[in-house]
């Protein structure tokens, strides 16, 4: 597979399709190369009880992501705000002491949430609780250089924009290897 590049360098991970062109959803630049996993359906992979914590204040997006993940045989835990997410992760970590499969393997986090702690603060607390937890940011926030720098400092694993035309395909592609 050819190496892919775009202006920001994130194009190999984050792109959407516009006509016959692959467009980076981070910088908007064209992504070179063909991404087989997006253009051609892949058979579902048998998963071993991977638990995903989905954190979003919008019930529609939680339901949309939950349905997609459950079709791929992920176990989904939902939290509507940051404090609930912290509680869910804490319960997961306690339970993992006696049952390792109870551990949350991935968090999918919206940044723009009301409540006592916003998405950035939630990310910081989750990473403080479990430094190895991969956190995929799924938000409508514009991917500005300042946002990407802040997410990098907070050790977010990946960034996807909710407005992507092929959000489901992008999400599934970016779950591989996490």
N, C-alpha and C. Protein backbone atom coordinates (compact mmCIF):
# COMPACT_ATOMS: atom_id res chain seq x y z
N UNK A 1 0.85 -1.18 0.00
CA UNK A 1 0.00 0.00 0.00
C UNK A 1 0.89 1.24 0.00
N UNK A 2 0.60 2.23 -0.85
CA UNK A 2 1.44 3.42 -0.90
C UNK A 2 1.35 4.24 0.38
N UNK A 3 2.43 4.96 0.65
CA UNK A 3 2.45 5.85 1.80
C UNK A 3 1.50 7.01 1.52
N UNK A 4 0.74 7.43 2.53
CA UNK A 4 -0.20 8.51 2.35
C UNK A 4 0.30 9.76 3.06
N UNK A 5 0.06 10.89 2.44
CA UNK A 5 0.48 12.15 3.05
C UNK A 5 -0.58 13.21 2.82
N UNK A 6 -0.58 14.19 3.66
CA UNK A 6 -1.42 15.37 3.51
C UNK A 6 -0.68 16.52 4.19
N UNK A 7 -1.29 17.68 4.24
CA UNK A 7 -0.62 18.85 4.80
C UNK A 7 -0.23 18.65 6.27
N UNK A 8 -1.15 18.10 7.06
CA UNK A 8 -0.89 17.99 8.50
C UNK A 8 -0.15 16.72 8.90
N UNK A 9 -0.11 15.73 8.02
CA UNK A 9 0.58 14.49 8.35
C UNK A 9 -0.30 13.46 9.03
N UNK A 10 -1.56 13.80 9.34
CA UNK A 10 -2.47 12.86 9.96
C UNK A 10 -3.31 12.12 8.93
N UNK A 11 -3.15 12.42 7.67
CA UNK A 11 -3.99 11.90 6.61
C UNK A 11 -4.06 10.39 6.52
N UNK A 12 -3.01 9.71 6.90
CA UNK A 12 -3.06 8.25 6.81
C UNK A 12 -4.03 7.66 7.82
N UNK A 13 -4.43 8.43 8.81
CA UNK A 13 -5.35 7.93 9.82
C UNK A 13 -6.75 8.52 9.70
N UNK A 14 -6.86 9.76 9.25
CA UNK A 14 -8.13 10.45 9.30
C UNK A 14 -8.48 11.03 7.93
N UNK A 15 -9.44 10.42 7.29
CA UNK A 15 -9.82 10.93 6.00
C UNK A 15 -11.28 10.60 5.72
N UNK A 16 -11.83 11.25 4.75
CA UNK A 16 -13.19 10.97 4.29
C UNK A 16 -13.13 10.95 2.77
N UNK A 17 -14.18 10.62 2.13
CA UNK A 17 -14.17 10.52 0.68
C UNK A 17 -15.02 11.62 0.06
N UNK A 18 -14.52 12.26 -0.95
CA UNK A 18 -15.28 13.24 -1.71
C UNK A 18 -15.07 12.90 -3.17
N UNK A 19 -16.08 12.34 -3.78
CA UNK A 19 -15.95 11.91 -5.16
C UNK A 19 -14.91 10.82 -5.25
N UNK A 20 -13.91 11.02 -6.10
CA UNK A 20 -12.85 10.04 -6.27
C UNK A 20 -11.59 10.41 -5.48
N UNK A 21 -11.69 11.41 -4.61
CA UNK A 21 -10.52 11.86 -3.85
C UNK A 21 -10.67 11.50 -2.39
N UNK A 22 -9.57 11.16 -1.75
CA UNK A 22 -9.54 10.98 -0.31
C UNK A 22 -9.12 12.30 0.30
N UNK A 23 -9.91 12.82 1.25
CA UNK A 23 -9.66 14.12 1.84
C UNK A 23 -9.39 13.94 3.33
N UNK A 24 -8.33 14.55 3.82
CA UNK A 24 -7.99 14.49 5.24
C UNK A 24 -9.01 15.30 6.03
N UNK A 25 -9.59 14.71 7.05
CA UNK A 25 -10.58 15.43 7.85
C UNK A 25 -9.92 16.33 8.89
N UNK A 26 -8.61 16.24 9.02
CA UNK A 26 -7.91 17.12 9.96
C UNK A 26 -7.54 18.43 9.28
N UNK A 27 -6.85 18.35 8.12
CA UNK A 27 -6.39 19.58 7.47
C UNK A 27 -7.14 19.91 6.19
N UNK A 28 -7.93 18.97 5.67
CA UNK A 28 -8.67 19.21 4.44
C UNK A 28 -7.86 18.97 3.18
N UNK A 29 -6.59 18.60 3.33
CA UNK A 29 -5.75 18.33 2.17
C UNK A 29 -6.03 16.97 1.57
N UNK A 30 -5.63 16.80 0.33
CA UNK A 30 -5.84 15.52 -0.36
C UNK A 30 -4.88 14.47 0.21
N UNK A 31 -5.37 13.26 0.38
CA UNK A 31 -4.58 12.15 0.88
C UNK A 31 -4.19 11.29 -0.31
N UNK A 32 -2.89 11.07 -0.49
CA UNK A 32 -2.41 10.26 -1.60
C UNK A 32 -2.55 8.78 -1.26
N UNK A 33 -2.82 7.97 -2.23
CA UNK A 33 -2.90 6.53 -1.99
C UNK A 33 -4.32 6.05 -1.84
N UNK A 34 -4.49 4.76 -1.98
CA UNK A 34 -5.82 4.15 -1.89
C UNK A 34 -5.90 3.36 -0.60
N UNK A 35 -6.94 3.60 0.17
CA UNK A 35 -7.14 2.91 1.44
C UNK A 35 -8.09 1.75 1.22
N UNK A 36 -7.56 0.57 1.07
CA UNK A 36 -8.36 -0.61 0.76
C UNK A 36 -9.43 -0.85 1.81
N UNK A 37 -9.12 -0.66 3.09
CA UNK A 37 -10.08 -0.98 4.13
C UNK A 37 -11.32 -0.09 4.09
N UNK A 38 -11.25 1.06 3.43
CA UNK A 38 -12.42 1.91 3.32
C UNK A 38 -13.19 1.60 2.05
N UNK A 39 -12.47 1.34 0.95
CA UNK A 39 -13.11 1.14 -0.34
C UNK A 39 -13.71 -0.26 -0.48
N UNK A 40 -13.12 -1.24 0.15
CA UNK A 40 -13.58 -2.61 0.01
C UNK A 40 -13.97 -3.14 1.38
N UNK A 41 -15.18 -3.73 1.48
CA UNK A 41 -15.62 -4.24 2.78
C UNK A 41 -14.69 -5.34 3.28
N UNK A 42 -14.44 -5.31 4.55
CA UNK A 42 -13.60 -6.31 5.19
C UNK A 42 -14.49 -7.24 6.02
N UNK A 43 -14.15 -8.51 6.10
CA UNK A 43 -14.95 -9.41 6.93
C UNK A 43 -14.82 -9.03 8.40
N UNK A 44 -15.89 -9.19 9.17
CA UNK A 44 -15.80 -8.85 10.59
C UNK A 44 -14.77 -9.73 11.29
N UNK A 45 -14.04 -9.14 12.19
CA UNK A 45 -13.03 -9.85 12.95
C UNK A 45 -13.66 -10.34 14.25
N UNK A 46 -13.39 -11.58 14.62
CA UNK A 46 -13.91 -12.11 15.88
C UNK A 46 -13.17 -11.43 17.03
N UNK A 47 -13.89 -10.77 17.90
CA UNK A 47 -13.29 -10.01 18.99
C UNK A 47 -13.53 -10.74 20.32
N UNK A 48 -12.59 -10.59 21.21
CA UNK A 48 -12.69 -11.21 22.52
C UNK A 48 -13.09 -10.16 23.53
N UNK A 49 -14.35 -10.02 23.80
CA UNK A 49 -14.91 -9.18 24.86
C UNK A 49 -14.15 -7.88 25.10
N UNK A 50 -13.98 -7.09 24.05
CA UNK A 50 -13.32 -5.79 24.20
C UNK A 50 -14.37 -4.79 24.69
N UNK A 51 -14.08 -4.15 25.81
CA UNK A 51 -15.02 -3.20 26.41
C UNK A 51 -14.63 -1.78 26.01
N UNK A 52 -15.62 -1.04 25.52
CA UNK A 52 -15.41 0.33 25.06
C UNK A 52 -16.32 1.26 25.87
N UNK A 53 -15.74 2.32 26.39
CA UNK A 53 -16.49 3.34 27.12
C UNK A 53 -16.78 4.49 26.16
N UNK A 54 -18.05 4.73 25.86
CA UNK A 54 -18.47 5.79 24.95
C UNK A 54 -19.00 6.95 25.79
N UNK A 55 -18.37 8.12 25.67
CA UNK A 55 -18.70 9.28 26.49
C UNK A 55 -19.16 10.41 25.59
N UNK A 56 -20.44 10.72 25.66
CA UNK A 56 -21.01 11.79 24.83
C UNK A 56 -22.31 12.23 25.49
N UNK A 57 -22.54 13.54 25.52
CA UNK A 57 -23.76 14.05 26.14
C UNK A 57 -24.97 13.92 25.22
N UNK A 58 -24.77 13.63 23.96
CA UNK A 58 -25.88 13.51 23.01
C UNK A 58 -26.30 12.05 22.88
N UNK A 59 -27.52 11.72 23.34
CA UNK A 59 -27.98 10.33 23.27
C UNK A 59 -27.94 9.74 21.86
N UNK A 60 -28.22 10.57 20.85
CA UNK A 60 -28.20 10.07 19.47
C UNK A 60 -26.82 9.52 19.10
N UNK A 61 -25.75 10.26 19.42
CA UNK A 61 -24.41 9.79 19.07
C UNK A 61 -24.00 8.59 19.90
N UNK A 62 -24.36 8.55 21.17
CA UNK A 62 -24.05 7.37 21.98
C UNK A 62 -24.73 6.14 21.38
N UNK A 63 -26.00 6.28 21.00
CA UNK A 63 -26.74 5.16 20.42
C UNK A 63 -26.11 4.75 19.08
N UNK A 64 -25.77 5.72 18.26
CA UNK A 64 -25.18 5.44 16.94
C UNK A 64 -23.86 4.68 17.08
N UNK A 65 -23.02 5.14 17.98
CA UNK A 65 -21.72 4.49 18.19
C UNK A 65 -21.91 3.13 18.86
N UNK A 66 -22.79 3.05 19.85
CA UNK A 66 -23.06 1.77 20.52
C UNK A 66 -23.53 0.72 19.51
N UNK A 67 -24.50 1.07 18.67
CA UNK A 67 -25.01 0.12 17.69
C UNK A 67 -23.91 -0.37 16.75
N UNK A 68 -23.08 0.55 16.28
CA UNK A 68 -21.99 0.20 15.39
C UNK A 68 -21.00 -0.74 16.08
N UNK A 69 -20.63 -0.41 17.30
CA UNK A 69 -19.65 -1.23 18.02
C UNK A 69 -20.22 -2.60 18.39
N UNK A 70 -21.47 -2.64 18.80
CA UNK A 70 -22.08 -3.92 19.15
C UNK A 70 -22.19 -4.85 17.94
N UNK A 71 -22.41 -4.28 16.76
CA UNK A 71 -22.42 -5.09 15.54
C UNK A 71 -21.06 -5.74 15.29
N UNK A 72 -20.01 -5.09 15.78
CA UNK A 72 -18.65 -5.61 15.63
C UNK A 72 -18.23 -6.44 16.86
N UNK A 73 -19.18 -6.73 17.73
CA UNK A 73 -18.99 -7.58 18.91
C UNK A 73 -18.16 -6.94 20.03
N UNK A 74 -18.17 -5.61 20.10
CA UNK A 74 -17.58 -4.92 21.24
C UNK A 74 -18.62 -4.86 22.34
N UNK A 75 -18.18 -4.85 23.58
CA UNK A 75 -19.07 -4.57 24.70
C UNK A 75 -18.99 -3.07 24.97
N UNK A 76 -20.16 -2.42 25.07
CA UNK A 76 -20.19 -0.97 25.19
C UNK A 76 -20.73 -0.54 26.54
N UNK A 77 -20.03 0.40 27.15
CA UNK A 77 -20.48 1.07 28.37
C UNK A 77 -20.67 2.52 27.98
N UNK A 78 -21.78 3.12 28.40
CA UNK A 78 -22.06 4.50 28.03
C UNK A 78 -21.99 5.43 29.24
N UNK A 79 -21.55 6.65 28.97
CA UNK A 79 -21.55 7.70 29.98
C UNK A 79 -21.97 9.00 29.30
N UNK A 80 -22.90 9.71 29.93
CA UNK A 80 -23.43 10.94 29.32
C UNK A 80 -22.65 12.19 29.69
N UNK A 81 -21.70 12.07 30.60
CA UNK A 81 -20.88 13.22 30.99
C UNK A 81 -19.62 12.73 31.68
N UNK A 82 -18.69 13.65 31.94
CA UNK A 82 -17.37 13.30 32.44
C UNK A 82 -17.34 12.57 33.77
N UNK A 83 -18.11 13.02 34.74
CA UNK A 83 -18.11 12.36 36.05
C UNK A 83 -18.59 10.92 35.94
N UNK A 84 -19.63 10.70 35.14
CA UNK A 84 -20.14 9.33 34.93
C UNK A 84 -19.06 8.47 34.27
N UNK A 85 -18.29 9.04 33.35
CA UNK A 85 -17.21 8.30 32.70
C UNK A 85 -16.13 7.92 33.70
N UNK A 86 -15.78 8.83 34.57
CA UNK A 86 -14.77 8.55 35.59
C UNK A 86 -15.25 7.42 36.50
N UNK A 87 -16.52 7.46 36.88
CA UNK A 87 -17.08 6.40 37.73
C UNK A 87 -17.04 5.05 37.01
N UNK A 88 -17.40 5.04 35.72
CA UNK A 88 -17.41 3.79 34.95
C UNK A 88 -15.99 3.22 34.83
N UNK A 89 -15.02 4.08 34.56
CA UNK A 89 -13.65 3.59 34.45
C UNK A 89 -13.14 3.08 35.79
N UNK A 90 -13.47 3.78 36.87
CA UNK A 90 -13.05 3.33 38.21
C UNK A 90 -13.64 1.95 38.52
N UNK A 91 -14.92 1.76 38.21
CA UNK A 91 -15.56 0.46 38.44
C UNK A 91 -14.89 -0.62 37.59
N UNK A 92 -14.55 -0.28 36.36
CA UNK A 92 -13.88 -1.23 35.47
C UNK A 92 -12.52 -1.64 36.03
N UNK A 93 -11.77 -0.66 36.51
CA UNK A 93 -10.44 -0.96 37.05
C UNK A 93 -10.53 -1.81 38.31
N UNK A 94 -11.51 -1.53 39.17
CA UNK A 94 -11.70 -2.36 40.37
C UNK A 94 -12.05 -3.79 39.99
N UNK A 95 -12.99 -3.94 39.06
CA UNK A 95 -13.44 -5.28 38.65
C UNK A 95 -12.34 -6.04 37.93
N UNK A 96 -11.45 -5.34 37.24
CA UNK A 96 -10.37 -5.99 36.50
C UNK A 96 -9.39 -6.70 37.42
N UNK A 97 -9.38 -6.34 38.71
CA UNK A 97 -8.52 -7.02 39.67
C UNK A 97 -8.84 -8.50 39.76
N UNK A 98 -10.11 -8.85 39.69
CA UNK A 98 -10.51 -10.26 39.76
C UNK A 98 -10.91 -10.83 38.40
N UNK A 99 -11.25 -9.96 37.45
CA UNK A 99 -11.67 -10.39 36.12
C UNK A 99 -11.08 -9.45 35.07
N UNK A 100 -9.93 -9.81 34.50
CA UNK A 100 -9.26 -8.92 33.53
C UNK A 100 -10.13 -8.52 32.34
N UNK A 101 -11.12 -9.32 31.98
CA UNK A 101 -11.99 -8.97 30.85
C UNK A 101 -12.93 -7.82 31.19
N UNK A 102 -13.03 -7.44 32.46
CA UNK A 102 -13.90 -6.33 32.87
C UNK A 102 -13.26 -4.97 32.62
N UNK A 103 -11.99 -4.97 32.28
CA UNK A 103 -11.27 -3.71 32.07
C UNK A 103 -11.71 -3.02 30.78
N UNK A 104 -11.90 -1.72 30.84
CA UNK A 104 -12.19 -0.93 29.64
C UNK A 104 -10.92 -0.88 28.79
N UNK A 105 -11.07 -1.25 27.51
CA UNK A 105 -9.92 -1.31 26.60
C UNK A 105 -9.76 -0.06 25.76
N UNK A 106 -10.82 0.75 25.67
CA UNK A 106 -10.81 1.94 24.82
C UNK A 106 -11.89 2.89 25.29
N UNK A 107 -11.61 4.18 25.23
CA UNK A 107 -12.63 5.20 25.48
C UNK A 107 -12.81 6.03 24.22
N UNK A 108 -14.07 6.32 23.88
CA UNK A 108 -14.40 7.21 22.78
C UNK A 108 -15.05 8.43 23.42
N UNK A 109 -14.44 9.59 23.27
CA UNK A 109 -14.80 10.77 24.05
C UNK A 109 -15.16 11.97 23.19
N UNK A 110 -16.29 12.59 23.50
CA UNK A 110 -16.66 13.87 22.91
C UNK A 110 -16.00 14.96 23.77
N UNK A 111 -15.54 16.03 23.16
CA UNK A 111 -14.90 17.11 23.92
C UNK A 111 -15.89 18.12 24.46
N UNK A 112 -16.95 18.39 23.70
CA UNK A 112 -17.90 19.45 24.07
C UNK A 112 -19.06 18.87 24.87
N UNK A 113 -18.90 18.86 26.18
CA UNK A 113 -19.93 18.31 27.06
C UNK A 113 -20.17 19.25 28.23
N UNK A 114 -21.43 19.41 28.60
CA UNK A 114 -21.71 20.19 29.81
C UNK A 114 -21.43 19.33 31.04
N UNK A 115 -21.48 19.93 32.18
CA UNK A 115 -21.29 19.17 33.42
C UNK A 115 -20.17 19.76 34.25
N UNK A 116 -19.84 19.04 35.30
CA UNK A 116 -18.79 19.52 36.20
C UNK A 116 -17.42 19.53 35.55
N UNK A 117 -17.18 18.57 34.66
CA UNK A 117 -15.91 18.54 33.94
C UNK A 117 -16.20 18.39 32.44
N UNK A 118 -15.47 19.13 31.62
CA UNK A 118 -15.68 19.05 30.17
C UNK A 118 -14.87 17.90 29.59
N UNK A 119 -14.87 17.78 28.28
CA UNK A 119 -14.16 16.68 27.63
C UNK A 119 -12.66 16.70 27.85
N UNK A 120 -12.05 17.89 27.84
CA UNK A 120 -10.61 17.98 28.06
C UNK A 120 -10.26 17.53 29.48
N UNK A 121 -11.04 17.99 30.46
CA UNK A 121 -10.79 17.58 31.84
C UNK A 121 -11.04 16.09 32.02
N UNK A 122 -12.08 15.59 31.37
CA UNK A 122 -12.38 14.16 31.44
C UNK A 122 -11.21 13.36 30.87
N UNK A 123 -10.68 13.79 29.73
CA UNK A 123 -9.53 13.12 29.13
C UNK A 123 -8.36 13.08 30.11
N UNK A 124 -8.08 14.20 30.74
CA UNK A 124 -6.98 14.26 31.71
C UNK A 124 -7.17 13.31 32.87
N UNK A 125 -8.38 13.23 33.40
CA UNK A 125 -8.65 12.35 34.53
C UNK A 125 -8.57 10.88 34.11
N UNK A 126 -9.15 10.55 32.95
CA UNK A 126 -9.10 9.17 32.47
C UNK A 126 -7.66 8.71 32.29
N UNK A 127 -6.82 9.57 31.68
CA UNK A 127 -5.43 9.21 31.47
C UNK A 127 -4.66 9.13 32.80
N UNK A 128 -5.05 9.93 33.79
CA UNK A 128 -4.41 9.85 35.10
C UNK A 128 -4.78 8.54 35.80
N UNK A 129 -6.00 8.08 35.57
CA UNK A 129 -6.46 6.83 36.18
C UNK A 129 -5.84 5.60 35.50
N UNK A 130 -5.72 5.67 34.17
CA UNK A 130 -5.20 4.54 33.40
C UNK A 130 -4.39 5.11 32.24
N UNK A 131 -3.11 5.28 32.45
CA UNK A 131 -2.23 5.91 31.47
C UNK A 131 -2.20 5.16 30.14
N UNK A 132 -2.43 3.85 30.17
CA UNK A 132 -2.36 3.03 28.96
C UNK A 132 -3.67 3.00 28.18
N UNK A 133 -4.74 3.58 28.73
CA UNK A 133 -6.04 3.55 28.07
C UNK A 133 -6.01 4.39 26.79
N UNK A 134 -6.24 3.77 25.63
CA UNK A 134 -6.32 4.59 24.41
C UNK A 134 -7.64 5.37 24.41
N UNK A 135 -7.56 6.65 24.10
CA UNK A 135 -8.75 7.50 24.04
C UNK A 135 -8.85 8.07 22.65
N UNK A 136 -9.95 7.73 21.97
CA UNK A 136 -10.23 8.24 20.64
C UNK A 136 -11.18 9.42 20.80
N UNK A 137 -10.80 10.56 20.30
CA UNK A 137 -11.63 11.76 20.38
C UNK A 137 -12.58 11.76 19.19
N UNK A 138 -13.87 11.83 19.46
CA UNK A 138 -14.90 11.91 18.43
C UNK A 138 -15.73 13.14 18.75
N UNK A 139 -15.48 14.22 18.01
CA UNK A 139 -16.09 15.50 18.37
C UNK A 139 -16.41 16.32 17.13
N UNK A 140 -17.26 17.31 17.31
CA UNK A 140 -17.59 18.23 16.23
C UNK A 140 -16.66 19.44 16.23
N UNK A 141 -15.76 19.53 17.18
CA UNK A 141 -14.81 20.64 17.24
C UNK A 141 -13.92 20.66 16.01
N UNK A 142 -13.70 21.85 15.47
CA UNK A 142 -12.83 22.00 14.31
C UNK A 142 -11.40 21.61 14.68
N UNK A 143 -10.71 20.90 13.79
CA UNK A 143 -9.36 20.42 14.09
C UNK A 143 -8.31 21.51 13.90
N UNK A 144 -8.29 22.48 14.79
CA UNK A 144 -7.30 23.55 14.72
C UNK A 144 -5.95 23.05 15.23
N UNK A 145 -4.87 23.71 14.85
CA UNK A 145 -3.56 23.30 15.36
C UNK A 145 -3.51 23.34 16.89
N UNK A 146 -4.18 24.34 17.49
CA UNK A 146 -4.19 24.44 18.95
C UNK A 146 -4.90 23.24 19.57
N UNK A 147 -6.02 22.83 18.99
CA UNK A 147 -6.76 21.67 19.50
C UNK A 147 -5.90 20.42 19.39
N UNK A 148 -5.30 20.20 18.24
CA UNK A 148 -4.49 18.99 18.06
C UNK A 148 -3.29 18.98 19.00
N UNK A 149 -2.69 20.15 19.24
CA UNK A 149 -1.56 20.22 20.17
C UNK A 149 -2.02 19.88 21.59
N UNK A 150 -3.15 20.43 22.00
CA UNK A 150 -3.68 20.16 23.34
C UNK A 150 -4.02 18.68 23.51
N UNK A 151 -4.63 18.09 22.48
CA UNK A 151 -4.96 16.66 22.55
C UNK A 151 -3.70 15.81 22.63
N UNK A 152 -2.67 16.22 21.91
CA UNK A 152 -1.40 15.50 21.97
C UNK A 152 -0.78 15.58 23.36
N UNK A 153 -0.85 16.76 23.97
CA UNK A 153 -0.32 16.93 25.33
C UNK A 153 -1.08 16.08 26.34
N UNK A 154 -2.39 15.91 26.11
CA UNK A 154 -3.21 15.10 27.00
C UNK A 154 -3.17 13.62 26.63
N UNK A 155 -2.39 13.29 25.62
CA UNK A 155 -2.15 11.91 25.19
C UNK A 155 -3.39 11.21 24.64
N UNK A 156 -4.20 11.97 23.89
CA UNK A 156 -5.30 11.34 23.16
C UNK A 156 -4.68 10.48 22.07
N UNK A 157 -5.30 9.37 21.78
CA UNK A 157 -4.74 8.44 20.78
C UNK A 157 -5.04 8.90 19.36
N UNK A 158 -6.29 9.26 19.09
CA UNK A 158 -6.70 9.64 17.75
C UNK A 158 -7.80 10.67 17.81
N UNK A 159 -8.02 11.37 16.69
CA UNK A 159 -9.06 12.39 16.58
C UNK A 159 -9.90 12.09 15.35
N UNK A 160 -11.22 12.07 15.51
CA UNK A 160 -12.15 11.96 14.39
C UNK A 160 -13.20 13.04 14.54
N UNK A 161 -13.65 13.56 13.41
CA UNK A 161 -14.67 14.60 13.43
C UNK A 161 -16.04 13.97 13.20
N UNK A 162 -17.01 14.32 14.04
CA UNK A 162 -18.37 13.79 13.93
C UNK A 162 -19.02 14.12 12.59
N UNK A 163 -18.57 15.19 11.96
CA UNK A 163 -19.17 15.64 10.71
C UNK A 163 -18.64 14.87 9.49
N UNK A 164 -17.73 13.93 9.68
CA UNK A 164 -17.20 13.17 8.56
C UNK A 164 -18.32 12.45 7.83
N UNK A 165 -18.25 12.47 6.50
CA UNK A 165 -19.30 11.84 5.69
C UNK A 165 -19.39 10.34 5.92
N UNK A 166 -18.26 9.69 6.14
CA UNK A 166 -18.20 8.24 6.33
C UNK A 166 -17.75 7.92 7.76
N UNK A 167 -18.43 8.50 8.73
CA UNK A 167 -18.01 8.37 10.11
C UNK A 167 -17.91 6.92 10.56
N UNK A 168 -18.89 6.09 10.21
CA UNK A 168 -18.87 4.70 10.65
C UNK A 168 -17.63 3.97 10.13
N UNK A 169 -17.33 4.14 8.83
CA UNK A 169 -16.16 3.47 8.26
C UNK A 169 -14.87 3.98 8.89
N UNK A 170 -14.79 5.30 9.09
CA UNK A 170 -13.60 5.87 9.72
C UNK A 170 -13.41 5.35 11.13
N UNK A 171 -14.49 5.29 11.88
CA UNK A 171 -14.39 4.82 13.25
C UNK A 171 -13.92 3.37 13.29
N UNK A 172 -14.53 2.52 12.49
CA UNK A 172 -14.13 1.11 12.48
C UNK A 172 -12.67 0.94 12.05
N UNK A 173 -12.26 1.71 11.06
CA UNK A 173 -10.88 1.62 10.59
C UNK A 173 -9.90 2.05 11.68
N UNK A 174 -10.28 3.06 12.44
CA UNK A 174 -9.38 3.58 13.46
C UNK A 174 -9.41 2.77 14.75
N UNK A 175 -10.36 1.85 14.87
CA UNK A 175 -10.38 0.96 16.04
C UNK A 175 -9.37 -0.17 15.88
N UNK A 176 -9.06 -0.53 14.65
CA UNK A 176 -8.07 -1.58 14.42
C UNK A 176 -6.73 -1.17 15.00
N UNK A 177 -6.14 -2.04 15.75
CA UNK A 177 -4.83 -1.78 16.31
C UNK A 177 -4.85 -1.04 17.63
N UNK A 178 -6.02 -0.65 18.13
CA UNK A 178 -6.05 0.02 19.43
C UNK A 178 -6.13 -0.98 20.55
